[in-house]
Amino acid sequence: MTVHFQPAQLADLDEIMVIENSGFTADEAASRDSMRGRIEQISDTFVVAKNDAGAVLGYIVGPADQQRYIADELFETTTPNQAGDRYQTVLSLAVSPDYQKRGIAGQLLTELARIARAQNRDAITLTCLERLVPFYEKNGYQNEGVSASVHAGETWYNMVLLLAAAK
């Protein structure tokens, strides 16, 4: 199966929301309005993976930011990416249950890293649940400990992938 990567479009929103709601609890999942805002404001860092038929298989999304670790406010408010932002964040990475265990999540991480390097970001930062720490470590991320995030009442871990030498 060939996987194609492209910026998310509003026409993808329904498929994205099905995947979002299958991959996250109701408290963790982004709302439809929030996801629409991300498509409208940060499509350059909102990547969808599609098959040859154009179906969305998964996606990765997050704004660029100046902070090394994700603040909960990023889940609530989306602002356009700025050229000088040092960090690329990941707010959601999800793959359709029908296409999991095929390497698509890793490919999405690689594609976002390519974009972040092209935009001169220093690193990619995300938070994840403890059970996902080994997946991100396998993809080159470093576990930098428990996050200050209280999003959805969960315990999150700060994961960072360095892209370039610190400025």
N, C-alpha and C. Protein backbone atom coordinates (compact mmCIF):
# COMPACT_ATOMS: atom_id res chain seq x y z
N MET A 1 0.84 -1.19 0.00
CA MET A 1 0.00 0.00 0.00
C MET A 1 0.88 1.24 0.00
N THR A 2 0.60 2.14 -0.90
CA THR A 2 1.33 3.40 -0.97
C THR A 2 0.63 4.42 -0.07
N VAL A 3 1.43 5.15 0.70
CA VAL A 3 0.91 6.19 1.58
C VAL A 3 1.40 7.53 1.06
N HIS A 4 0.47 8.47 0.93
CA HIS A 4 0.78 9.81 0.46
C HIS A 4 0.57 10.79 1.61
N PHE A 5 1.44 11.78 1.72
CA PHE A 5 1.34 12.79 2.78
C PHE A 5 1.00 14.13 2.15
N GLN A 6 0.08 14.86 2.80
CA GLN A 6 -0.28 16.18 2.31
C GLN A 6 -0.87 17.00 3.45
N PRO A 7 -0.92 18.32 3.28
CA PRO A 7 -1.56 19.15 4.31
C PRO A 7 -3.04 18.81 4.43
N ALA A 8 -3.54 18.83 5.65
CA ALA A 8 -4.97 18.59 5.88
C ALA A 8 -5.80 19.68 5.22
N GLN A 9 -6.97 19.29 4.75
CA GLN A 9 -7.92 20.21 4.15
C GLN A 9 -9.26 20.05 4.86
N LEU A 10 -10.10 21.09 4.77
CA LEU A 10 -11.41 21.00 5.42
C LEU A 10 -12.22 19.80 4.93
N ALA A 11 -12.02 19.39 3.68
CA ALA A 11 -12.73 18.23 3.14
C ALA A 11 -12.35 16.94 3.89
N ASP A 12 -11.21 16.94 4.60
CA ASP A 12 -10.76 15.78 5.35
C ASP A 12 -11.33 15.73 6.77
N LEU A 13 -12.02 16.78 7.19
CA LEU A 13 -12.41 16.93 8.59
C LEU A 13 -13.24 15.76 9.13
N ASP A 14 -14.21 15.29 8.37
CA ASP A 14 -15.05 14.20 8.86
C ASP A 14 -14.22 12.95 9.15
N GLU A 15 -13.34 12.58 8.21
CA GLU A 15 -12.49 11.40 8.40
C GLU A 15 -11.52 11.60 9.57
N ILE A 16 -10.97 12.80 9.68
CA ILE A 16 -10.05 13.12 10.78
C ILE A 16 -10.76 12.94 12.12
N MET A 17 -11.98 13.43 12.22
CA MET A 17 -12.71 13.34 13.50
C MET A 17 -13.04 11.91 13.88
N VAL A 18 -13.35 11.06 12.90
CA VAL A 18 -13.60 9.65 13.20
C VAL A 18 -12.33 9.03 13.79
N ILE A 19 -11.18 9.34 13.20
CA ILE A 19 -9.91 8.79 13.69
C ILE A 19 -9.58 9.39 15.06
N GLU A 20 -9.75 10.69 15.23
CA GLU A 20 -9.48 11.36 16.51
C GLU A 20 -10.29 10.71 17.63
N ASN A 21 -11.56 10.50 17.38
CA ASN A 21 -12.44 9.94 18.41
C ASN A 21 -12.21 8.45 18.65
N SER A 22 -11.59 7.78 17.70
CA SER A 22 -11.26 6.36 17.92
C SER A 22 -9.93 6.20 18.65
N GLY A 23 -9.09 7.24 18.59
CA GLY A 23 -7.76 7.14 19.18
C GLY A 23 -7.61 7.79 20.54
N PHE A 24 -8.57 8.59 20.94
CA PHE A 24 -8.47 9.33 22.19
C PHE A 24 -9.78 9.21 22.97
N THR A 25 -9.70 9.32 24.27
CA THR A 25 -10.91 9.33 25.09
C THR A 25 -11.67 10.63 24.82
N ALA A 26 -12.91 10.69 25.25
CA ALA A 26 -13.72 11.90 25.05
C ALA A 26 -13.04 13.11 25.70
N ASP A 27 -12.39 12.92 26.85
CA ASP A 27 -11.71 14.04 27.51
C ASP A 27 -10.44 14.45 26.79
N GLU A 28 -9.77 13.51 26.14
CA GLU A 28 -8.51 13.80 25.46
C GLU A 28 -8.72 14.36 24.06
N ALA A 29 -9.74 13.91 23.37
CA ALA A 29 -9.94 14.23 21.95
C ALA A 29 -10.22 15.71 21.72
N ALA A 30 -9.71 16.18 20.61
CA ALA A 30 -9.99 17.56 20.19
C ALA A 30 -11.43 17.65 19.69
N SER A 31 -12.05 18.79 19.88
CA SER A 31 -13.40 19.02 19.36
C SER A 31 -13.32 19.25 17.85
N ARG A 32 -14.46 19.11 17.21
CA ARG A 32 -14.55 19.38 15.77
C ARG A 32 -14.14 20.83 15.47
N ASP A 33 -14.61 21.77 16.28
CA ASP A 33 -14.26 23.18 16.06
C ASP A 33 -12.77 23.41 16.22
N SER A 34 -12.18 22.77 17.22
CA SER A 34 -10.74 22.90 17.44
C SER A 34 -9.97 22.34 16.25
N MET A 35 -10.37 21.17 15.77
CA MET A 35 -9.68 20.55 14.64
C MET A 35 -9.86 21.39 13.38
N ARG A 36 -11.04 21.96 13.19
CA ARG A 36 -11.28 22.85 12.05
C ARG A 36 -10.32 24.05 12.12
N GLY A 37 -10.18 24.63 13.31
CA GLY A 37 -9.27 25.76 13.48
C GLY A 37 -7.83 25.38 13.17
N ARG A 38 -7.44 24.17 13.53
CA ARG A 38 -6.08 23.72 13.22
C ARG A 38 -5.88 23.60 11.72
N ILE A 39 -6.87 23.06 11.02
CA ILE A 39 -6.77 22.96 9.56
C ILE A 39 -6.66 24.36 8.96
N GLU A 40 -7.48 25.27 9.44
CA GLU A 40 -7.49 26.63 8.87
C GLU A 40 -6.23 27.43 9.20
N GLN A 41 -5.65 27.20 10.37
CA GLN A 41 -4.55 28.07 10.81
C GLN A 41 -3.16 27.46 10.72
N ILE A 42 -3.05 26.13 10.81
CA ILE A 42 -1.71 25.53 10.80
C ILE A 42 -1.63 24.34 9.84
N SER A 43 -2.21 24.49 8.67
CA SER A 43 -2.21 23.36 7.72
C SER A 43 -0.79 22.98 7.29
N ASP A 44 0.16 23.91 7.44
CA ASP A 44 1.54 23.58 7.08
C ASP A 44 2.15 22.55 8.03
N THR A 45 1.59 22.42 9.24
CA THR A 45 2.06 21.41 10.18
C THR A 45 0.91 20.50 10.63
N PHE A 46 -0.05 20.31 9.73
CA PHE A 46 -1.15 19.36 9.93
C PHE A 46 -1.11 18.43 8.73
N VAL A 47 -0.50 17.27 8.91
CA VAL A 47 -0.23 16.34 7.82
C VAL A 47 -1.18 15.15 7.90
N VAL A 48 -1.80 14.84 6.77
CA VAL A 48 -2.61 13.63 6.69
C VAL A 48 -1.90 12.60 5.83
N ALA A 49 -2.08 11.34 6.20
CA ALA A 49 -1.61 10.22 5.40
C ALA A 49 -2.83 9.67 4.67
N LYS A 50 -2.72 9.52 3.36
CA LYS A 50 -3.83 9.01 2.57
C LYS A 50 -3.37 7.83 1.72
N ASN A 51 -4.34 6.96 1.40
CA ASN A 51 -4.04 5.87 0.48
C ASN A 51 -4.30 6.34 -0.96
N ASP A 52 -4.11 5.44 -1.92
CA ASP A 52 -4.28 5.81 -3.33
C ASP A 52 -5.70 6.25 -3.66
N ALA A 53 -6.68 5.78 -2.88
CA ALA A 53 -8.08 6.16 -3.11
C ALA A 53 -8.42 7.51 -2.47
N GLY A 54 -7.47 8.10 -1.74
CA GLY A 54 -7.71 9.39 -1.11
C GLY A 54 -8.31 9.33 0.28
N ALA A 55 -8.42 8.13 0.85
CA ALA A 55 -8.96 8.00 2.20
C ALA A 55 -7.89 8.39 3.22
N VAL A 56 -8.31 9.09 4.27
CA VAL A 56 -7.38 9.47 5.34
C VAL A 56 -7.11 8.24 6.20
N LEU A 57 -5.84 7.90 6.33
CA LEU A 57 -5.42 6.75 7.13
C LEU A 57 -4.99 7.18 8.53
N GLY A 58 -4.50 8.41 8.63
CA GLY A 58 -4.03 8.95 9.90
C GLY A 58 -3.57 10.37 9.71
N TYR A 59 -3.13 10.98 10.80
CA TYR A 59 -2.68 12.37 10.73
C TYR A 59 -1.81 12.70 11.93
N ILE A 60 -1.09 13.81 11.78
CA ILE A 60 -0.29 14.38 12.86
C ILE A 60 -0.46 15.89 12.77
N VAL A 61 -0.61 16.54 13.93
CA VAL A 61 -0.85 17.98 13.92
C VAL A 61 -0.31 18.63 15.18
N GLY A 62 0.18 19.84 15.01
CA GLY A 62 0.58 20.66 16.14
C GLY A 62 1.14 21.98 15.64
N PRO A 63 1.01 23.02 16.46
CA PRO A 63 1.58 24.31 16.08
C PRO A 63 3.05 24.39 16.46
N ALA A 64 3.74 25.32 15.86
CA ALA A 64 5.10 25.66 16.31
C ALA A 64 4.96 26.53 17.55
N ASP A 65 5.98 26.51 18.40
CA ASP A 65 5.91 27.23 19.67
C ASP A 65 7.31 27.61 20.13
N GLN A 66 7.39 28.52 21.08
CA GLN A 66 8.68 28.92 21.65
C GLN A 66 9.07 28.06 22.85
N GLN A 67 8.13 27.31 23.41
CA GLN A 67 8.38 26.55 24.63
C GLN A 67 8.81 25.12 24.33
N ARG A 68 9.75 24.61 25.12
CA ARG A 68 10.23 23.24 24.94
C ARG A 68 9.15 22.21 25.24
N TYR A 69 8.28 22.52 26.20
CA TYR A 69 7.23 21.58 26.58
C TYR A 69 5.86 22.16 26.29
N ILE A 70 4.93 21.28 25.96
CA ILE A 70 3.57 21.68 25.59
C ILE A 70 2.82 22.19 26.82
N ALA A 71 2.23 23.36 26.66
CA ALA A 71 1.34 23.93 27.69
C ALA A 71 -0.09 23.55 27.32
N ASP A 72 -0.92 23.32 28.32
CA ASP A 72 -2.30 22.91 28.06
C ASP A 72 -3.06 23.91 27.20
N GLU A 73 -2.67 25.18 27.25
CA GLU A 73 -3.37 26.20 26.44
C GLU A 73 -3.30 25.89 24.95
N LEU A 74 -2.26 25.18 24.51
CA LEU A 74 -2.14 24.86 23.09
C LEU A 74 -3.28 23.96 22.61
N PHE A 75 -3.86 23.20 23.52
CA PHE A 75 -4.99 22.33 23.14
C PHE A 75 -6.27 23.15 22.94
N GLU A 76 -6.30 24.35 23.52
CA GLU A 76 -7.51 25.18 23.51
C GLU A 76 -7.51 26.22 22.41
N THR A 77 -6.36 26.80 22.12
CA THR A 77 -6.27 27.94 21.20
C THR A 77 -5.21 27.67 20.15
N THR A 78 -5.56 27.88 18.89
CA THR A 78 -4.61 27.69 17.80
C THR A 78 -4.25 29.04 17.21
N THR A 79 -2.95 29.28 17.08
CA THR A 79 -2.48 30.49 16.41
C THR A 79 -1.54 30.06 15.29
N PRO A 80 -1.44 30.86 14.24
CA PRO A 80 -0.58 30.48 13.11
C PRO A 80 0.88 30.30 13.53
N ASN A 81 1.57 29.41 12.84
CA ASN A 81 2.99 29.18 13.09
C ASN A 81 3.79 30.43 12.73
N GLN A 82 4.82 30.69 13.52
CA GLN A 82 5.70 31.83 13.29
C GLN A 82 7.08 31.32 12.88
N ALA A 83 7.74 32.04 12.00
CA ALA A 83 9.04 31.62 11.48
C ALA A 83 10.07 31.42 12.58
N GLY A 84 10.04 32.25 13.62
CA GLY A 84 11.06 32.16 14.67
C GLY A 84 10.79 31.15 15.76
N ASP A 85 9.67 30.46 15.71
CA ASP A 85 9.36 29.47 16.75
C ASP A 85 10.39 28.34 16.72
N ARG A 86 10.89 27.98 17.87
CA ARG A 86 11.98 26.99 17.97
C ARG A 86 11.50 25.55 17.97
N TYR A 87 10.28 25.32 18.44
CA TYR A 87 9.81 23.95 18.64
C TYR A 87 8.57 23.66 17.81
N GLN A 88 8.56 22.48 17.23
CA GLN A 88 7.36 21.96 16.58
C GLN A 88 6.67 21.07 17.60
N THR A 89 5.40 21.34 17.88
CA THR A 89 4.67 20.51 18.82
C THR A 89 3.85 19.45 18.09
N VAL A 90 3.45 18.43 18.82
CA VAL A 90 2.49 17.44 18.33
C VAL A 90 1.36 17.40 19.34
N LEU A 91 0.17 17.81 18.92
CA LEU A 91 -1.01 17.74 19.78
C LEU A 91 -1.78 16.46 19.56
N SER A 92 -1.77 15.96 18.33
CA SER A 92 -2.45 14.70 17.99
C SER A 92 -1.66 13.94 16.96
N LEU A 93 -1.51 12.67 17.19
CA LEU A 93 -1.00 11.71 16.22
C LEU A 93 -1.94 10.52 16.34
N ALA A 94 -2.63 10.21 15.27
CA ALA A 94 -3.59 9.10 15.32
C ALA A 94 -3.68 8.43 13.96
N VAL A 95 -3.90 7.12 14.01
CA VAL A 95 -4.05 6.32 12.80
C VAL A 95 -5.35 5.53 12.94
N SER A 96 -6.08 5.44 11.85
CA SER A 96 -7.32 4.66 11.83
C SER A 96 -7.06 3.25 12.35
N PRO A 97 -7.97 2.74 13.19
CA PRO A 97 -7.78 1.37 13.69
C PRO A 97 -7.59 0.34 12.57
N ASP A 98 -8.17 0.58 11.40
CA ASP A 98 -8.05 -0.34 10.27
C ASP A 98 -6.65 -0.35 9.67
N TYR A 99 -5.83 0.66 9.99
CA TYR A 99 -4.51 0.78 9.37
C TYR A 99 -3.37 0.82 10.39
N GLN A 100 -3.66 0.50 11.64
CA GLN A 100 -2.62 0.47 12.67
C GLN A 100 -1.71 -0.73 12.47
N LYS A 101 -0.53 -0.64 13.07
CA LYS A 101 0.49 -1.71 13.01
C LYS A 101 1.05 -1.87 11.60
N ARG A 102 1.03 -0.79 10.82
CA ARG A 102 1.59 -0.82 9.46
C ARG A 102 2.69 0.23 9.28
N GLY A 103 3.11 0.85 10.39
CA GLY A 103 4.19 1.82 10.32
C GLY A 103 3.76 3.23 9.94
N ILE A 104 2.47 3.46 9.83
CA ILE A 104 1.99 4.78 9.39
C ILE A 104 2.29 5.85 10.42
N ALA A 105 2.13 5.56 11.71
CA ALA A 105 2.42 6.56 12.75
C ALA A 105 3.88 6.98 12.69
N GLY A 106 4.78 6.02 12.53
CA GLY A 106 6.20 6.35 12.40
C GLY A 106 6.49 7.17 11.16
N GLN A 107 5.81 6.86 10.07
CA GLN A 107 5.99 7.63 8.84
C GLN A 107 5.49 9.07 9.02
N LEU A 108 4.38 9.23 9.75
CA LEU A 108 3.88 10.58 10.03
C LEU A 108 4.89 11.36 10.88
N LEU A 109 5.49 10.71 11.87
CA LEU A 109 6.53 11.39 12.67
C LEU A 109 7.70 11.81 11.80
N THR A 110 8.11 10.94 10.88
CA THR A 110 9.22 11.25 9.97
C THR A 110 8.86 12.42 9.06
N GLU A 111 7.64 12.43 8.55
CA GLU A 111 7.21 13.52 7.66
C GLU A 111 7.17 14.85 8.41
N LEU A 112 6.66 14.85 9.64
CA LEU A 112 6.63 16.09 10.41
C LEU A 112 8.04 16.55 10.73
N ALA A 113 8.95 15.63 11.01
CA ALA A 113 10.35 16.00 11.26
C ALA A 113 10.96 16.65 10.02
N ARG A 114 10.64 16.13 8.84
CA ARG A 114 11.14 16.72 7.59
C ARG A 114 10.65 18.16 7.46
N ILE A 115 9.37 18.37 7.73
CA ILE A 115 8.78 19.72 7.66
C ILE A 115 9.42 20.63 8.70
N ALA A 116 9.56 20.14 9.93
CA ALA A 116 10.13 20.95 11.01
C ALA A 116 11.57 21.36 10.70
N ARG A 117 12.35 20.44 10.11
CA ARG A 117 13.72 20.79 9.71
C ARG A 117 13.70 21.88 8.64
N ALA A 118 12.81 21.74 7.66
CA ALA A 118 12.70 22.73 6.59
C ALA A 118 12.29 24.10 7.13
N GLN A 119 11.57 24.11 8.25
CA GLN A 119 11.14 25.36 8.88
C GLN A 119 12.13 25.83 9.95
N ASN A 120 13.29 25.17 10.02
CA ASN A 120 14.37 25.54 10.95
C ASN A 120 13.99 25.44 12.42
N ARG A 121 13.17 24.46 12.76
CA ARG A 121 12.86 24.21 14.17
C ARG A 121 14.02 23.46 14.82
N ASP A 122 14.20 23.66 16.12
CA ASP A 122 15.27 22.99 16.85
C ASP A 122 14.88 21.57 17.25
N ALA A 123 13.60 21.36 17.52
CA ALA A 123 13.17 20.06 18.05
C ALA A 123 11.67 19.91 17.86
N ILE A 124 11.21 18.67 18.01
CA ILE A 124 9.79 18.37 18.07
C ILE A 124 9.49 17.97 19.50
N THR A 125 8.41 18.49 20.04
CA THR A 125 8.03 18.21 21.42
C THR A 125 6.58 17.71 21.46
N LEU A 126 6.34 16.76 22.34
CA LEU A 126 4.99 16.23 22.50
C LEU A 126 4.85 15.67 23.90
N THR A 127 3.61 15.40 24.27
CA THR A 127 3.35 14.68 25.51
C THR A 127 2.63 13.39 25.14
N CYS A 128 2.89 12.35 25.92
CA CYS A 128 2.20 11.08 25.67
C CYS A 128 1.97 10.36 26.99
N LEU A 129 1.09 9.40 26.93
CA LEU A 129 0.83 8.54 28.09
C LEU A 129 2.00 7.57 28.26
N GLU A 130 2.17 7.08 29.48
CA GLU A 130 3.31 6.21 29.80
C GLU A 130 3.41 5.01 28.86
N ARG A 131 2.27 4.43 28.48
CA ARG A 131 2.29 3.24 27.64
C ARG A 131 2.85 3.51 26.23
N LEU A 132 2.89 4.80 25.83
CA LEU A 132 3.39 5.15 24.50
C LEU A 132 4.85 5.60 24.50
N VAL A 133 5.45 5.76 25.68
CA VAL A 133 6.85 6.20 25.77
C VAL A 133 7.76 5.30 24.93
N PRO A 134 7.66 3.96 25.00
CA PRO A 134 8.56 3.12 24.19
C PRO A 134 8.41 3.34 22.68
N PHE A 135 7.19 3.60 22.21
CA PHE A 135 6.98 3.88 20.78
C PHE A 135 7.76 5.12 20.37
N TYR A 136 7.64 6.19 21.13
CA TYR A 136 8.33 7.42 20.76
C TYR A 136 9.84 7.27 20.92
N GLU A 137 10.29 6.55 21.94
CA GLU A 137 11.74 6.32 22.08
C GLU A 137 12.27 5.54 20.89
N LYS A 138 11.51 4.58 20.40
CA LYS A 138 11.90 3.81 19.21
C LYS A 138 12.02 4.72 17.99
N ASN A 139 11.30 5.84 18.00
CA ASN A 139 11.35 6.79 16.90
C ASN A 139 12.31 7.96 17.17
N GLY A 140 13.20 7.79 18.16
CA GLY A 140 14.26 8.76 18.39
C GLY A 140 13.99 9.83 19.42
N TYR A 141 12.83 9.80 20.04
CA TYR A 141 12.48 10.81 21.05
C TYR A 141 13.10 10.45 22.40
N GLN A 142 13.44 11.49 23.18
CA GLN A 142 13.96 11.31 24.52
C GLN A 142 12.85 11.60 25.53
N ASN A 143 12.74 10.76 26.54
CA ASN A 143 11.78 10.97 27.62
C ASN A 143 12.41 11.98 28.58
N GLU A 144 11.79 13.14 28.73
CA GLU A 144 12.31 14.18 29.62
C GLU A 144 11.45 14.32 30.87
N GLY A 145 10.74 13.25 31.22
CA GLY A 145 10.04 13.20 32.50
C GLY A 145 8.58 13.58 32.43
N VAL A 146 7.96 13.56 33.59
CA VAL A 146 6.53 13.84 33.71
C VAL A 146 6.25 15.30 33.36
N SER A 147 5.23 15.49 32.55
CA SER A 147 4.82 16.82 32.11
C SER A 147 4.00 17.53 33.19
N ALA A 148 4.03 18.86 33.13
CA ALA A 148 3.16 19.66 34.01
C ALA A 148 1.71 19.65 33.52
N SER A 149 1.47 19.11 32.34
CA SER A 149 0.13 19.08 31.77
C SER A 149 -0.85 18.32 32.65
N VAL A 150 -2.05 18.87 32.74
CA VAL A 150 -3.15 18.19 33.43
C VAL A 150 -4.28 17.89 32.44
N HIS A 151 -3.97 17.96 31.15
CA HIS A 151 -4.95 17.72 30.09
C HIS A 151 -5.66 16.39 30.32
N ALA A 152 -6.98 16.43 30.33
CA ALA A 152 -7.85 15.26 30.47
C ALA A 152 -7.61 14.50 31.77
N GLY A 153 -6.95 15.13 32.75
CA GLY A 153 -6.73 14.49 34.04
C GLY A 153 -5.76 13.32 33.99
N GLU A 154 -4.94 13.25 32.95
CA GLU A 154 -3.99 12.14 32.78
C GLU A 154 -2.58 12.56 33.23
N THR A 155 -1.71 11.57 33.41
CA THR A 155 -0.28 11.81 33.62
C THR A 155 0.39 11.68 32.27
N TRP A 156 1.04 12.76 31.85
CA TRP A 156 1.68 12.83 30.54
C TRP A 156 3.19 12.89 30.72
N TYR A 157 3.90 12.45 29.69
CA TYR A 157 5.36 12.48 29.68
C TYR A 157 5.84 13.38 28.55
N ASN A 158 6.84 14.21 28.85
CA ASN A 158 7.44 15.09 27.84
C ASN A 158 8.42 14.28 27.00
N MET A 159 8.20 14.29 25.70
CA MET A 159 9.06 13.59 24.76
C MET A 159 9.60 14.62 23.77
N VAL A 160 10.91 14.57 23.51
CA VAL A 160 11.54 15.57 22.66
C VAL A 160 12.46 14.89 21.64
N LEU A 161 12.34 15.30 20.40
CA LEU A 161 13.25 14.86 19.34
C LEU A 161 14.06 16.06 18.90
N LEU A 162 15.36 16.02 19.14
CA LEU A 162 16.23 17.12 18.73
C LEU A 162 16.46 17.03 17.23
N LEU A 163 16.33 18.18 16.54
CA LEU A 163 16.50 18.23 15.10
C LEU A 163 17.81 18.88 14.70
N ALA A 164 18.28 19.78 15.54
CA ALA A 164 19.48 20.55 15.21
C ALA A 164 20.20 20.90 16.49
N ALA A 165 21.42 21.33 16.37
CA ALA A 165 22.17 21.78 17.55
C ALA A 165 21.45 22.99 18.15
N ALA A 166 21.47 23.09 19.46
CA ALA A 166 20.83 24.22 20.14
C ALA A 166 21.44 25.52 19.67
N LYS A 167 20.59 26.53 19.53
CA LYS A 167 21.07 27.84 19.06
C LYS A 167 21.66 28.63 20.21
